[in-house]
Amino acid sequence: MSTKVGDKLVKVSENFTVYRYDNGFMIEVSGRDPDEEYKYSKILCSDEDELLTIIKEINSLPLDE
């Protein structure tokens, strides 16, 4: 399952939002794609481990300043 933020965004905004649902989580992050277009990415996560993996990836990407 490809949930990599880096596949969609090359720079991320300084904030992201996590939504908690009965069956998992959704994380929403905005930033720039490889063409420098502003984009939103929404990723569904089935458990906390997957959510933490996505958050760590977001933190490893450069900020869109």
Protein backbone atom coordinates (compact mmCIF):
# COMPACT_ATOMS: atom_id res chain seq x y z
CA MET A 1 0.00 0.00 0.00
CA SER A 2 1.59 3.24 -1.11
CA THR A 3 0.83 5.99 1.36
CA LYS A 4 3.98 8.00 0.91
CA VAL A 5 3.52 11.73 1.16
CA GLY A 6 6.73 12.18 -0.81
CA ASP A 7 5.06 10.56 -3.83
CA LYS A 8 2.62 13.49 -3.91
CA LEU A 9 4.40 16.43 -2.27
CA VAL A 10 8.02 17.59 -2.32
CA LYS A 11 7.54 20.40 0.24
CA VAL A 12 5.02 20.50 3.08
CA SER A 13 3.29 23.26 5.01
CA GLU A 14 4.21 23.84 8.64
CA ASN A 15 1.02 22.19 9.89
CA PHE A 16 -1.07 19.09 9.28
CA THR A 17 -4.35 17.81 10.66
CA VAL A 18 -5.14 14.38 12.06
CA TYR A 19 -8.73 13.14 12.17
CA ARG A 20 -9.67 10.24 14.44
CA TYR A 21 -12.42 7.89 13.28
CA ASP A 22 -13.93 4.67 14.64
CA ASN A 23 -11.92 2.58 12.17
CA GLY A 24 -8.65 4.52 11.96
CA PHE A 25 -7.21 7.94 11.20
CA MET A 26 -6.91 10.38 8.35
CA ILE A 27 -4.04 12.82 8.05
CA GLU A 28 -4.32 15.88 5.82
CA VAL A 29 -1.26 17.85 4.76
CA SER A 30 -0.73 20.56 2.18
CA GLY A 31 2.34 21.64 0.28
CA ARG A 32 3.90 21.78 -3.18
CA ASP A 33 4.05 19.03 -5.76
CA PRO A 34 7.05 18.52 -8.09
CA ASP A 35 5.58 21.15 -10.47
CA GLU A 36 5.47 23.70 -7.60
CA GLU A 37 1.65 23.58 -7.61
CA TYR A 38 -0.10 23.91 -4.23
CA LYS A 39 -1.80 20.60 -3.31
CA TYR A 40 -3.57 18.83 -0.46
CA SER A 41 -2.90 15.22 0.39
CA LYS A 42 -5.28 13.12 2.49
CA ILE A 43 -4.09 9.72 3.65
CA LEU A 44 -6.11 7.11 5.51
CA CYS A 45 -4.32 5.12 8.21
CA SER A 46 -5.71 1.96 9.77
CA ASP A 47 -3.71 2.17 13.01
CA GLU A 48 -1.42 4.37 15.11
CA ASP A 49 1.79 2.80 13.79
CA GLU A 50 0.89 3.70 10.22
CA LEU A 51 -0.09 7.21 11.34
CA LEU A 52 3.25 7.71 13.10
CA THR A 53 5.12 6.50 10.02
CA ILE A 54 3.33 9.13 7.91
CA ILE A 55 4.03 11.87 10.48
CA LYS A 56 7.73 10.95 10.50
CA GLU A 57 7.80 11.15 6.71
CA ILE A 58 6.10 14.58 6.76
CA ASN A 59 8.69 15.79 9.27
CA SER A 60 11.51 14.63 6.99
CA LEU A 61 10.32 16.71 4.00
CA PRO A 62 11.43 20.34 3.55
CA LEU A 63 9.03 23.08 4.59
CA ASP A 64 7.27 25.19 1.97
CA GLU A 65 8.44 28.63 3.10
